[in-house]
Amino acid sequence: GGEPALHSQFIKEFAQLNKQGWHITLETSLNVPTLHIERLLDVVDEYIIDIKTLNPTTYKVYTGQSIEPVLENLRYLIERNKGTHITLRVPLIPGYNTAEEVTKTQNELQKMGITHFDTFTYITNTAHRAQSNGKSGKSTCNVLKKIRTIIAEANNIPYTPALCTHTLCTMGNCPMCEKELA
């Protein structure tokens, strides 16, 4: 788990000790300081990059991070002729992006010089959703609202929870709750 590019020093040292000449593929979000990508440039043969979206707002909501380091590192790799050694994973994530956004992201990345893509749809637990009729997710949304209320009160922040009318809070928060959280 975690972001392997953050262990760039270890990966580089391992590669230098590697007498078998193993092919190294790095699966990364690229959301790391460029120093790590620079360190790995001559070590990594192939990159699998989980980009999710190029929409800065959607990216921030889904990952909690800015997309800027990702784009900077992607440009860095492309400028150093690594574009043909990159496979970009661009998922459709129900509740976060749309098929149109996935297509737009892929088109923009192609303009940057990327040719290999892995597009897919995140699978949600539809059996659980059907069984619970969204109730367990809705109760999670309610717990999260209580937590936000406690935090707001402890820090003297004005906060009034919005009434969520979203019917399928399957992951514990829905677009309405995500807007409230932001």
Protein backbone atom coordinates (compact mmCIF):
# COMPACT_ATOMS: atom_id res chain seq x y z
CA GLY A 1 0.00 0.00 0.00
CA GLY A 2 0.95 3.62 -0.17
CA GLU A 3 2.90 5.56 -2.78
CA PRO A 4 5.98 3.62 -3.94
CA ALA A 5 7.63 6.65 -5.55
CA LEU A 6 8.13 8.05 -2.05
CA HIS A 7 10.62 5.20 -1.60
CA SER A 8 12.67 6.32 -4.58
CA GLN A 9 16.00 6.07 -2.76
CA PHE A 10 15.34 2.44 -1.82
CA ILE A 11 14.13 1.60 -5.35
CA LYS A 12 17.23 3.21 -6.87
CA GLU A 13 19.57 1.36 -4.51
CA PHE A 14 17.77 -1.91 -5.19
CA ALA A 15 18.07 -1.37 -8.94
CA GLN A 16 21.80 -0.71 -8.61
CA LEU A 17 22.24 -3.99 -6.71
CA ASN A 18 20.07 -5.85 -9.22
CA LYS A 19 22.52 -8.04 -11.15
CA GLN A 20 19.73 -9.99 -12.89
CA GLY A 21 18.68 -6.94 -14.91
CA TRP A 22 15.06 -7.08 -13.83
CA HIS A 23 12.58 -4.90 -15.64
CA ILE A 24 11.14 -2.39 -13.13
CA THR A 25 7.58 -1.11 -13.44
CA LEU A 26 6.39 1.55 -11.03
CA GLU A 27 2.67 1.93 -10.27
CA THR A 28 2.25 5.46 -8.95
CA SER A 29 -0.07 8.42 -8.64
CA LEU A 30 2.89 10.74 -9.44
CA ASN A 31 1.63 12.94 -6.60
CA VAL A 32 5.08 13.25 -5.06
CA PRO A 33 7.84 15.86 -5.06
CA THR A 34 9.63 15.82 -8.43
CA LEU A 35 12.88 14.89 -6.68
CA HIS A 36 11.57 11.31 -6.43
CA ILE A 37 10.69 11.09 -10.12
CA GLU A 38 14.09 12.54 -11.07
CA ARG A 39 15.80 9.94 -8.88
CA LEU A 40 13.91 7.12 -10.61
CA LEU A 41 14.27 8.34 -14.20
CA ASP A 42 17.13 5.97 -15.14
CA VAL A 43 15.86 3.14 -12.94
CA VAL A 44 12.21 2.63 -13.90
CA ASP A 45 11.46 0.97 -17.25
CA GLU A 46 7.68 1.36 -17.30
CA TYR A 47 5.18 3.49 -15.41
CA ILE A 48 1.57 2.73 -14.56
CA ILE A 49 0.10 6.04 -13.46
CA ASP A 50 -3.25 6.28 -11.71
CA ILE A 51 -4.37 9.74 -12.85
CA LYS A 52 -8.11 9.52 -12.11
CA THR A 53 -8.99 12.83 -13.84
CA LEU A 54 -7.50 16.09 -15.07
CA ASN A 55 -10.35 18.08 -13.53
CA PRO A 56 -8.63 19.80 -10.58
CA THR A 57 -11.82 19.99 -8.51
CA THR A 58 -12.79 16.34 -9.00
CA TYR A 59 -9.20 15.25 -8.35
CA LYS A 60 -9.08 17.25 -5.11
CA VAL A 61 -12.44 15.93 -3.90
CA TYR A 62 -11.48 12.31 -4.63
CA THR A 63 -7.84 12.33 -3.47
CA GLY A 64 -7.70 15.25 -1.06
CA GLN A 65 -4.63 16.47 -2.96
CA SER A 66 -3.80 19.00 -5.65
CA ILE A 67 -3.30 17.68 -9.17
CA GLU A 68 -0.42 20.12 -9.85
CA PRO A 69 2.44 17.81 -8.73
CA VAL A 70 0.95 15.03 -10.87
CA LEU A 71 0.90 17.22 -13.98
CA GLU A 72 4.38 18.57 -13.28
CA ASN A 73 5.79 15.05 -12.91
CA LEU A 74 3.93 13.79 -15.97
CA ARG A 75 5.35 16.63 -18.07
CA TYR A 76 8.79 15.90 -16.63
CA LEU A 77 8.58 12.27 -17.79
CA ILE A 78 7.19 13.15 -21.24
CA GLU A 79 9.89 15.77 -21.80
CA ARG A 80 12.47 13.06 -21.12
CA ASN A 81 11.00 10.70 -23.73
CA LYS A 82 9.24 8.41 -21.25
CA GLY A 83 5.77 8.98 -22.76
CA THR A 84 5.78 5.66 -24.62
CA HIS A 85 6.69 3.89 -21.36
CA ILE A 86 3.62 5.18 -19.53
CA THR A 87 0.23 3.52 -19.16
CA LEU A 88 -2.30 5.90 -17.68
CA ARG A 89 -5.17 4.51 -15.65
CA VAL A 90 -8.25 6.69 -16.11
CA PRO A 91 -11.17 5.19 -14.18
CA LEU A 92 -14.83 6.05 -14.25
CA ILE A 93 -15.61 6.55 -10.56
CA PRO A 94 -19.35 6.55 -9.85
CA GLY A 95 -20.30 9.65 -7.90
CA TYR A 96 -17.08 11.50 -8.72
CA ASN A 97 -16.68 11.75 -12.49
CA THR A 98 -18.58 10.97 -15.67
CA ALA A 99 -17.88 9.03 -18.85
CA GLU A 100 -17.57 12.38 -20.63
CA GLU A 101 -14.94 13.50 -18.12
CA VAL A 102 -12.99 10.25 -18.62
CA THR A 103 -13.03 10.81 -22.40
CA LYS A 104 -12.00 14.44 -21.99
CA THR A 105 -9.15 13.44 -19.66
CA GLN A 106 -7.95 10.79 -22.08
CA ASN A 107 -8.09 13.25 -25.01
CA GLU A 108 -6.07 15.85 -23.09
CA LEU A 109 -3.49 13.25 -22.12
CA GLN A 110 -3.20 12.13 -25.74
CA LYS A 111 -2.44 15.74 -26.69
CA MET A 112 0.39 15.62 -24.16
CA GLY A 113 1.82 12.56 -25.93
CA ILE A 114 0.42 9.62 -23.97
CA THR A 115 -0.70 6.68 -26.10
CA HIS A 116 -1.33 3.83 -23.62
CA PHE A 117 -4.45 3.92 -21.46
CA ASP A 118 -6.22 1.61 -19.04
CA THR A 119 -9.81 2.79 -18.72
CA PHE A 120 -12.25 0.98 -16.46
CA THR A 121 -15.11 1.54 -14.04
CA TYR A 122 -14.64 1.27 -10.30
CA ILE A 123 -16.95 -1.46 -9.06
CA THR A 124 -19.18 -0.63 -6.15
CA ASN A 125 -20.80 -3.22 -3.96
CA THR A 126 -24.16 -3.29 -5.75
CA ALA A 127 -25.32 -6.35 -3.81
CA HIS A 128 -24.72 -4.54 -0.52
CA ARG A 129 -26.40 -1.42 -1.93
CA ALA A 130 -29.45 -3.40 -2.99
CA GLN A 131 -29.61 -5.22 0.34
CA SER A 132 -29.26 -2.11 2.50
CA ASN A 133 -31.13 0.20 0.11
CA GLY A 134 -28.46 2.81 0.87
CA LYS A 135 -29.28 2.83 4.59
CA SER A 136 -25.82 1.88 5.88
CA GLY A 137 -24.22 4.56 3.73
CA LYS A 138 -26.82 7.06 4.88
CA SER A 139 -26.05 6.25 8.52
CA THR A 140 -22.35 6.77 7.76
CA CYS A 141 -23.20 10.17 6.25
CA ASN A 142 -25.08 11.03 9.44
CA VAL A 143 -22.13 9.98 11.62
CA LEU A 144 -19.79 12.11 9.49
CA LYS A 145 -22.13 15.09 9.93
CA LYS A 146 -22.06 14.57 13.70
CA ILE A 147 -18.25 14.49 13.62
CA ARG A 148 -18.12 17.68 11.54
CA THR A 149 -20.56 19.31 13.98
CA ILE A 150 -18.35 18.39 16.96
CA ILE A 151 -15.23 19.71 15.19
CA ALA A 152 -17.00 22.93 14.19
CA GLU A 153 -18.30 23.52 17.72
CA ALA A 154 -14.86 22.81 19.26
CA ASN A 155 -13.28 25.37 16.95
CA ASN A 156 -16.05 28.01 17.00
CA ILE A 157 -16.78 27.49 13.30
CA PRO A 158 -20.33 28.21 12.16
CA TYR A 159 -21.75 25.00 10.72
CA THR A 160 -25.25 23.83 9.93
CA PRO A 161 -25.50 20.39 8.32
CA ALA A 162 -27.40 20.34 5.05
CA LEU A 163 -30.23 17.89 4.61
CA CYS A 164 -29.03 15.12 2.29
CA THR A 165 -31.68 13.78 -0.05
CA HIS A 166 -29.25 11.60 -2.02
CA THR A 167 -30.63 8.06 -2.06
CA LEU A 168 -27.49 5.98 -2.67
CA CYS A 169 -24.86 6.93 -0.11
CA THR A 170 -23.00 3.68 -0.80
CA MET A 171 -19.50 4.72 0.23
CA GLY A 172 -20.54 6.70 3.27
CA ASN A 173 -20.61 10.03 1.50
CA CYS A 174 -22.41 11.25 -1.54
CA PRO A 175 -21.90 14.25 -3.84
CA MET A 176 -24.16 16.35 -1.61
CA CYS A 177 -22.23 15.38 1.52
CA GLU A 178 -18.92 15.92 -0.28
CA LYS A 179 -19.98 19.50 -1.17
CA GLU A 180 -20.92 20.08 2.46
CA LEU A 181 -17.58 18.68 3.63
CA ALA A 182 -15.66 20.97 1.25
